Amino acid sequence: MSFENITVAQSMAAERERALVRELEIDRRVALHGRGVRIGGRTRRLPALLARVTHLSTGSAHAVPSA
């Protein structure tokens, strides 16, 4: 494997690790704060979501089950 290939592979592995850490942090926060809703890749707790429901742009949202 060339040095460039090794560097690219390490970079890709680091990005996958960062993505996994982000998802684990989201799961941890949901477990601590209860049920939330994922909107645009972010988890919102229901009270915050309900306070801003009129300001939401169109897009997909789905419930995140509590742990």
Protein backbone atom coordinates (compact mmCIF):
# COMPACT_ATOMS: atom_id res chain seq x y z
CA MET A 1 0.00 0.00 0.00
CA SER A 2 1.43 3.39 -0.93
CA PHE A 3 1.83 6.25 1.51
CA GLU A 4 -1.05 8.13 -0.17
CA ASN A 5 -3.35 5.12 0.15
CA ILE A 6 -2.43 4.72 3.81
CA THR A 7 -3.10 8.41 4.46
CA VAL A 8 -6.49 8.24 2.71
CA ALA A 9 -7.43 5.08 4.61
CA GLN A 10 -6.46 6.69 7.93
CA SER A 11 -8.46 9.80 7.08
CA MET A 12 -11.53 7.76 6.16
CA ALA A 13 -11.23 5.70 9.35
CA ALA A 14 -10.95 8.87 11.44
CA GLU A 15 -14.08 10.33 9.79
CA ARG A 16 -16.03 7.12 10.44
CA GLU A 17 -14.90 7.22 14.06
CA ARG A 18 -16.03 10.86 14.44
CA ALA A 19 -19.43 9.98 12.95
CA LEU A 20 -19.79 7.05 15.34
CA VAL A 21 -18.86 9.24 18.32
CA ARG A 22 -21.46 11.83 17.24
CA GLU A 23 -24.16 9.15 17.00
CA LEU A 24 -23.20 7.69 20.38
CA GLU A 25 -23.35 11.17 21.94
CA ILE A 26 -26.83 11.67 20.46
CA ASP A 27 -27.94 8.31 21.87
CA ARG A 28 -26.48 9.20 25.29
CA ARG A 29 -28.30 12.53 25.37
CA VAL A 30 -31.57 10.93 24.33
CA ALA A 31 -31.16 8.35 27.09
CA LEU A 32 -30.53 11.11 29.64
CA HIS A 33 -33.30 13.45 28.54
CA GLY A 34 -35.94 11.03 27.35
CA ARG A 35 -37.86 10.93 24.13
CA GLY A 36 -36.86 13.32 21.38
CA VAL A 37 -37.36 13.88 17.67
CA ARG A 38 -34.63 13.73 15.03
CA ILE A 39 -34.84 16.62 12.56
CA GLY A 40 -32.18 17.20 9.98
CA GLY A 41 -29.75 14.90 11.76
CA ARG A 42 -30.22 16.57 15.15
CA THR A 43 -32.16 15.31 18.14
CA ARG A 44 -34.62 17.70 19.74
CA ARG A 45 -36.47 17.10 22.97
CA LEU A 46 -40.21 17.37 22.57
CA PRO A 47 -40.77 20.59 24.57
CA ALA A 48 -38.19 22.46 22.46
CA LEU A 49 -39.71 21.03 19.32
CA LEU A 50 -43.25 22.01 20.31
CA ALA A 51 -42.12 25.55 21.11
CA ARG A 52 -40.73 25.92 17.60
CA VAL A 53 -43.15 23.80 15.59
CA THR A 54 -44.42 26.79 13.64
CA HIS A 55 -40.87 27.70 12.61
CA LEU A 56 -39.92 24.31 11.17
CA SER A 57 -39.11 24.06 7.51
CA THR A 58 -40.47 21.16 5.52
CA GLY A 59 -38.40 18.05 5.93
CA SER A 60 -38.42 14.60 7.37
CA ALA A 61 -38.69 14.01 11.09
CA HIS A 62 -39.07 10.80 13.01
CA ALA A 63 -39.44 9.94 16.68
CA VAL A 64 -36.42 8.66 18.57
CA PRO A 65 -37.39 5.93 21.04
CA SER A 66 -36.33 6.48 24.63
CA ALA A 67 -33.70 4.08 25.94
